[in-house]
C-alpha cells in the first residue's frame, strides 16, 4: 500500500491522510518495512531487535549516569573514560566509540568541555570549577547499540554557560515530545531551531542525529535545524535526537591534529543532550532513560 492509496479502513481518504503509518490489522507490516527500506533506506525494527536495543539503551544510560556522578573538580576525563570502560566490560558490553572511524577514535567515551561541541577526547587534564562538559556514551550489548549523552556542570558555572546548557536540554525534550507515528521527520529540526533562536542561541548544522540500533549510524539523518526531509515517522524506527547548541555562532571547527575534536569558532560555550528514541504505534519511547534517575 502506498501513501496515496485509499486507506484500508474504508473511509475513502488516502492512507497518508487517514491511518498512516498504521497498517491493516493482521496485514501489511512486512510491506511497510520493505517500503521504508527500499524508499528511505530505513530499517523498521522487529520486536526482537527493539528489545535488544532497549536493553543496550538502558545500559548506556546507566553507564552515563554513573560516569557523570564521578565528574568533579580535580578528576580527569581520562579517569572518567577508564571508569566507563570498566562498566562496559563488567556488563559484557563493548564501548562503540573505541576504534571507530578514521582516524580511529582513541577512547571509550567522548568528553566535550566548554567550547568543545562534540567528539572531545578524554585526557589527563583535571576538571576545574566552572567547566561544563558533555559525556557521550554508546555501548554495544549483544550486537545492539544504545547511544546517549548529557551535560555536567562542575561547581558554579557562568550565567552564559548555564543558559546554553538549559536551552540545549529544552531543545531535546521539546523535540522528543513533538515526534510520534506519522509526524514528519523535519518536525525535529523545526522545533529545535525555533526554541534555540528564540533564546538567543544557535544550532550546529555540521553534526546531526541518526538512526541507530543494529548499526552505530543508520538512516535516517536527523537534522536539528529547519529542513525538507519530511519522511513520516513509522513504528519501529529507532534514532537519536542530539542537538548541539552554541551560545554564539553555529559554526564548528575540527582540530586537524586529532581529526575529532570539534570546537566553536568564536570560543563561546556549547551544550548537547541526547536520547535514543523508538517510534511506537501510539507515540514515542525513550530507550536511554538517563533522565529518570
Protein backbone atom coordinates (compact mmCIF):
# COMPACT_ATOMS: atom_id res chain seq x y z
CA UNK A 1 0.00 0.00 0.00
CA UNK A 2 1.36 3.42 -0.99
CA UNK A 3 0.75 6.64 0.95
CA UNK A 4 -1.61 7.90 -1.77
CA UNK A 5 -3.69 4.71 -1.94
CA UNK A 6 -7.09 4.63 -0.28
CA UNK A 7 -6.88 3.75 3.40
CA UNK A 8 -7.57 0.17 4.41
CA UNK A 9 -10.26 1.32 6.90
CA UNK A 10 -12.78 2.07 4.14
CA UNK A 11 -13.05 5.80 4.84
CA UNK A 12 -12.29 6.69 1.23
CA UNK A 13 -9.47 9.00 2.31
CA UNK A 14 -5.88 8.49 1.27
CA UNK A 15 -3.84 6.32 3.66
CA UNK A 16 -1.43 9.22 4.36
CA UNK A 17 -4.36 11.41 5.47
CA UNK A 18 -6.11 8.73 7.49
CA UNK A 19 -4.43 5.87 9.39
CA UNK A 20 -0.83 6.28 8.16
CA UNK A 21 1.54 4.81 9.30
CA UNK A 22 -0.80 2.32 10.99
CA UNK A 23 -1.15 -0.82 8.89
CA UNK A 24 -4.18 -3.01 8.40
CA UNK A 25 -4.64 -5.26 11.44
CA UNK A 26 -3.07 -8.61 10.74
CA UNK A 27 -1.87 -7.29 7.41
CA UNK A 28 0.78 -5.19 5.76
CA UNK A 29 3.52 -4.72 8.37
CA UNK A 30 6.04 -6.57 6.22
CA UNK A 31 5.00 -4.43 3.26
CA UNK A 32 5.63 -1.24 5.26
CA UNK A 33 9.06 -2.49 6.36
CA UNK A 34 10.01 -3.32 2.78
CA UNK A 35 8.84 0.06 1.50
CA UNK A 36 10.76 2.05 4.14
CA UNK A 37 13.87 0.00 3.45
CA UNK A 38 13.60 0.50 -0.31
CA UNK A 39 12.40 4.11 -0.41
CA UNK A 40 14.30 5.64 2.53
CA UNK A 41 16.97 3.08 3.46
CA UNK A 42 15.37 2.89 6.92
CA UNK A 43 15.19 -0.34 8.90
CA UNK A 44 11.94 -0.68 10.86
CA UNK A 45 12.99 -2.89 13.76
CA UNK A 46 11.40 -6.20 14.74
CA UNK A 47 10.19 -6.88 18.28
CA UNK A 48 13.36 -8.86 18.94
CA UNK A 49 15.57 -6.06 17.67
CA UNK A 50 13.66 -3.47 19.68
CA UNK A 51 14.14 -5.43 22.88
CA UNK A 52 17.86 -5.74 22.19
CA UNK A 53 18.18 -2.01 21.51
CA UNK A 54 16.12 -1.26 24.61
CA UNK A 55 18.48 -3.30 26.79
CA UNK A 56 21.53 -1.64 25.26
CA UNK A 57 19.98 1.81 25.66
CA UNK A 58 19.22 1.23 29.32
CA UNK A 59 22.77 0.07 29.92
CA UNK A 60 24.18 3.12 28.11
CA UNK A 61 22.02 5.39 30.27
CA UNK A 62 23.15 3.60 33.44
CA UNK A 63 26.83 3.92 32.49
CA UNK A 64 26.32 7.56 31.52
CA UNK A 65 24.72 8.50 34.84
CA UNK A 66 27.34 6.62 36.86
CA UNK A 67 30.14 8.35 34.96
CA UNK A 68 28.55 11.79 35.29
CA UNK A 69 28.28 11.27 39.05
CA UNK A 70 32.08 11.00 39.22
CA UNK A 71 32.71 14.22 37.33
CA UNK A 72 34.13 16.59 39.95
CA UNK A 73 36.80 19.29 40.07
CA UNK A 74 40.22 17.62 40.12
CA UNK A 75 39.08 14.47 38.31
CA UNK A 76 40.50 13.94 34.82
CA UNK A 77 38.41 12.98 31.82
CA UNK A 78 40.81 10.06 31.31
CA UNK A 79 39.76 8.76 34.74
CA UNK A 80 36.12 9.08 33.70
CA UNK A 81 36.90 7.21 30.48
CA UNK A 82 38.62 4.39 32.36
CA UNK A 83 35.68 4.07 34.76
CA UNK A 84 33.13 3.97 31.93
CA UNK A 85 35.25 1.42 30.07
CA UNK A 86 35.29 -0.80 33.16
CA UNK A 87 31.50 -0.58 33.48
CA UNK A 88 31.10 -1.67 29.87
CA UNK A 89 33.29 -4.73 30.38
CA UNK A 90 31.56 -5.68 33.64
CA UNK A 91 28.22 -5.65 31.82
CA UNK A 92 29.50 -7.73 28.92
CA UNK A 93 29.27 -4.75 26.57
CA UNK A 94 31.62 -3.01 24.14
CA UNK A 95 32.21 0.77 24.06
CA UNK A 96 31.25 1.63 20.48
CA UNK A 97 33.45 4.74 20.07
CA UNK A 98 36.72 2.91 20.79
CA UNK A 99 38.48 2.39 17.46
CA UNK A 100 35.55 3.79 15.46
CA UNK A 101 36.06 5.83 12.31
CA UNK A 102 39.11 7.22 10.57
CA UNK A 103 41.32 8.09 12.27
CA UNK A 104 40.19 5.50 14.85
CA UNK A 105 38.70 7.21 17.91
CA UNK A 106 41.17 6.52 20.75
CA UNK A 107 38.86 6.38 23.79
CA UNK A 108 35.71 4.64 25.01
CA UNK A 109 33.58 7.76 25.60
CA UNK A 110 33.54 11.36 24.39
CA UNK A 111 34.09 14.20 26.87
CA UNK A 112 33.44 17.66 25.41
CA UNK A 113 34.23 20.66 27.63
CA UNK A 114 33.17 24.30 27.38
CA UNK A 115 33.72 25.39 23.75
CA UNK A 116 34.06 21.79 22.51
CA UNK A 117 30.89 20.93 20.63
CA UNK A 118 31.36 17.17 20.35
CA UNK A 119 33.84 14.30 19.98
CA UNK A 120 36.16 15.56 22.70
CA UNK A 121 38.88 13.03 23.55
CA UNK A 122 39.44 12.20 27.25
CA UNK A 123 42.85 13.28 28.56
CA UNK A 124 44.85 13.85 31.74
CA UNK A 125 43.82 17.47 32.31
CA UNK A 126 41.81 17.81 35.57
CA UNK A 127 38.31 19.26 35.51
CA UNK A 128 38.02 22.63 37.22
CA UNK A 129 35.32 24.71 38.86
CA UNK A 130 33.22 26.46 36.21
CA UNK A 131 33.62 23.84 33.48
CA UNK A 132 30.65 22.43 31.61
CA UNK A 133 31.04 19.04 29.98
CA UNK A 134 29.10 16.69 27.74
CA UNK A 135 29.71 12.98 28.27
CA UNK A 136 28.62 10.78 25.36
CA UNK A 137 28.22 7.01 25.83
CA UNK A 138 27.40 4.49 23.12
CA UNK A 139 27.51 0.83 24.06
CA UNK A 140 27.12 -2.38 22.11
CA UNK A 141 25.31 -5.10 24.02
CA UNK A 142 24.64 -8.43 22.32
CA UNK A 143 25.14 -6.72 18.96
CA UNK A 144 22.72 -3.84 19.59
CA UNK A 145 23.57 -0.16 20.06
CA UNK A 146 22.38 2.38 22.63
CA UNK A 147 23.53 6.00 22.28
CA UNK A 148 23.06 8.88 24.72
CA UNK A 149 24.74 11.92 26.24
CA UNK A 150 24.16 14.57 28.86
CA UNK A 151 25.75 17.66 30.37
CA UNK A 152 27.53 18.08 33.70
CA UNK A 153 28.27 21.41 35.39
CA UNK A 154 31.38 21.41 37.57
CA UNK A 155 30.54 23.58 40.58
CA UNK A 156 29.29 27.09 39.90
CA UNK A 157 29.29 27.99 36.21
CA UNK A 158 28.81 31.29 34.42
CA UNK A 159 25.36 32.56 33.51
CA UNK A 160 26.19 32.14 29.81
CA UNK A 161 27.19 28.51 30.28
CA UNK A 162 24.14 27.75 32.44
CA UNK A 163 21.89 29.33 29.82
CA UNK A 164 23.21 27.29 26.89
CA UNK A 165 23.05 24.08 28.96
CA UNK A 166 19.40 24.75 29.82
CA UNK A 167 18.45 25.74 26.27
CA UNK A 168 20.05 22.59 24.84
CA UNK A 169 18.14 20.40 27.30
CA UNK A 170 14.86 22.09 26.48
CA UNK A 171 15.55 21.71 22.75
CA UNK A 172 15.99 17.95 23.17
CA UNK A 173 12.92 17.41 25.32
CA UNK A 174 10.66 19.58 23.17
CA UNK A 175 11.73 17.59 20.11
CA UNK A 176 11.13 14.29 21.93
CA UNK A 177 7.62 15.43 22.84
CA UNK A 178 6.89 16.53 19.27
CA UNK A 179 7.59 13.24 17.49
CA UNK A 180 5.39 10.19 17.03
CA UNK A 181 3.93 7.96 14.30
CA UNK A 182 3.04 9.89 11.17
CA UNK A 183 4.85 13.05 12.27
CA UNK A 184 7.23 14.37 9.57
CA UNK A 185 10.88 13.88 10.49
CA UNK A 186 11.69 17.54 9.85
CA UNK A 187 9.48 18.49 12.80
CA UNK A 188 12.56 17.73 14.93
CA UNK A 189 14.60 20.47 13.29
CA UNK A 190 11.77 22.99 13.27
CA UNK A 191 11.10 22.61 16.99
CA UNK A 192 14.77 22.79 17.96
CA UNK A 193 15.71 25.75 15.76
CA UNK A 194 12.67 27.75 16.80
CA UNK A 195 13.38 27.34 20.52
CA UNK A 196 17.15 27.84 20.28
CA UNK A 197 16.98 31.03 18.22
CA UNK A 198 14.17 32.45 20.36
CA UNK A 199 16.54 32.07 23.30
CA UNK A 200 19.49 33.75 21.58
CA UNK A 201 21.43 30.57 20.83
CA UNK A 202 22.39 28.88 17.56
CA UNK A 203 22.09 25.32 16.24
CA UNK A 204 25.15 23.48 14.94
CA UNK A 205 24.46 22.18 11.43
CA UNK A 206 27.69 20.25 10.79
CA UNK A 207 26.73 17.38 13.12
CA UNK A 208 23.37 15.63 13.21
CA UNK A 209 21.35 12.83 14.77
CA UNK A 210 20.97 9.46 13.09
CA UNK A 211 19.28 6.11 13.02
CA UNK A 212 20.83 3.68 15.48
CA UNK A 213 20.28 0.23 16.91
CA UNK A 214 21.50 -2.52 14.62
CA UNK A 215 24.40 -0.30 13.50
CA UNK A 216 26.09 2.68 15.15
CA UNK A 217 24.94 5.02 12.37
CA UNK A 218 21.91 4.19 10.23
CA UNK A 219 19.33 6.08 8.21
CA UNK A 220 17.61 8.43 8.62
CA UNK A 221 19.72 11.51 9.11
CA UNK A 222 18.10 13.62 11.83
CA UNK A 223 18.76 17.32 11.24
CA UNK A 224 18.40 19.67 14.20
CA UNK A 225 17.51 22.70 12.07
CA UNK A 226 14.76 23.51 9.56
CA UNK A 227 14.92 21.22 6.53
CA UNK A 228 12.81 19.47 3.91
CA UNK A 229 13.27 15.83 5.00
CA UNK A 230 9.59 15.14 5.69
CA UNK A 231 9.69 11.34 5.92
CA UNK A 232 6.71 10.25 8.06
CA UNK A 233 7.94 8.61 11.26
CA UNK A 234 6.79 4.99 11.44
CA UNK A 235 6.56 2.40 14.23
CA UNK A 236 9.84 0.52 14.57
CA UNK A 237 12.08 3.46 13.72
CA UNK A 238 14.93 3.99 16.21
CA UNK A 239 17.09 7.10 16.04
CA UNK A 240 18.87 9.74 18.09
CA UNK A 241 17.96 13.34 18.72
CA UNK A 242 21.10 15.13 19.90
CA UNK A 243 21.02 18.88 19.27
CA UNK A 244 24.30 20.73 19.68
CA UNK A 245 23.51 24.28 20.76
CA UNK A 246 26.02 27.14 20.81
CA UNK A 247 25.92 30.34 22.84
CA UNK A 248 27.47 32.19 19.89
CA UNK A 249 27.96 31.37 16.23
CA UNK A 250 26.76 27.96 14.95
CA UNK A 251 29.94 27.06 13.08
CA UNK A 252 32.28 24.27 14.14
CA UNK A 253 35.97 23.68 13.54
CA UNK A 254 37.52 20.19 13.74
CA UNK A 255 41.03 20.03 15.19
CA UNK A 256 43.31 18.77 12.37
CA UNK A 257 45.72 17.35 14.93
CA UNK A 258 43.34 14.61 16.10
CA UNK A 259 40.64 14.65 13.40
CA UNK A 260 37.85 14.56 16.00
CA UNK A 261 37.60 17.44 18.47
CA UNK A 262 35.02 19.96 17.19
CA UNK A 263 35.03 23.42 18.77
CA UNK A 264 33.08 26.64 18.33
CA UNK A 265 34.86 29.12 16.07
CA UNK A 266 34.31 32.03 18.45
CA UNK A 267 35.28 30.30 21.71
CA UNK A 268 31.72 30.53 23.06
CA UNK A 269 30.36 27.57 25.08
CA UNK A 270 28.35 24.74 23.55
CA UNK A 271 25.99 22.16 25.06
CA UNK A 272 24.35 18.91 23.97
CA UNK A 273 21.93 16.34 25.38
CA UNK A 274 20.99 13.12 23.56
CA UNK A 275 18.46 10.31 23.67
CA UNK A 276 17.83 7.25 21.52
CA UNK A 277 14.12 7.05 20.66
CA UNK A 278 11.71 4.39 19.40
CA UNK A 279 8.60 5.31 17.43
CA UNK A 280 5.72 3.11 18.61
CA UNK A 281 2.22 2.65 17.23
CA UNK A 282 0.87 5.12 19.79
CA UNK A 283 3.75 7.52 20.42
CA UNK A 284 7.41 7.52 21.41
CA UNK A 285 9.56 5.55 23.86
CA UNK A 286 12.84 6.92 25.21
CA UNK A 287 15.25 3.98 25.07
CA UNK A 288 18.04 5.73 27.03
CA UNK A 289 16.24 6.89 30.21
CA UNK A 290 19.09 8.75 31.94
CA UNK A 291 16.56 11.46 32.85
CA UNK A 292 14.63 9.08 35.13
CA UNK A 293 17.37 8.81 37.77
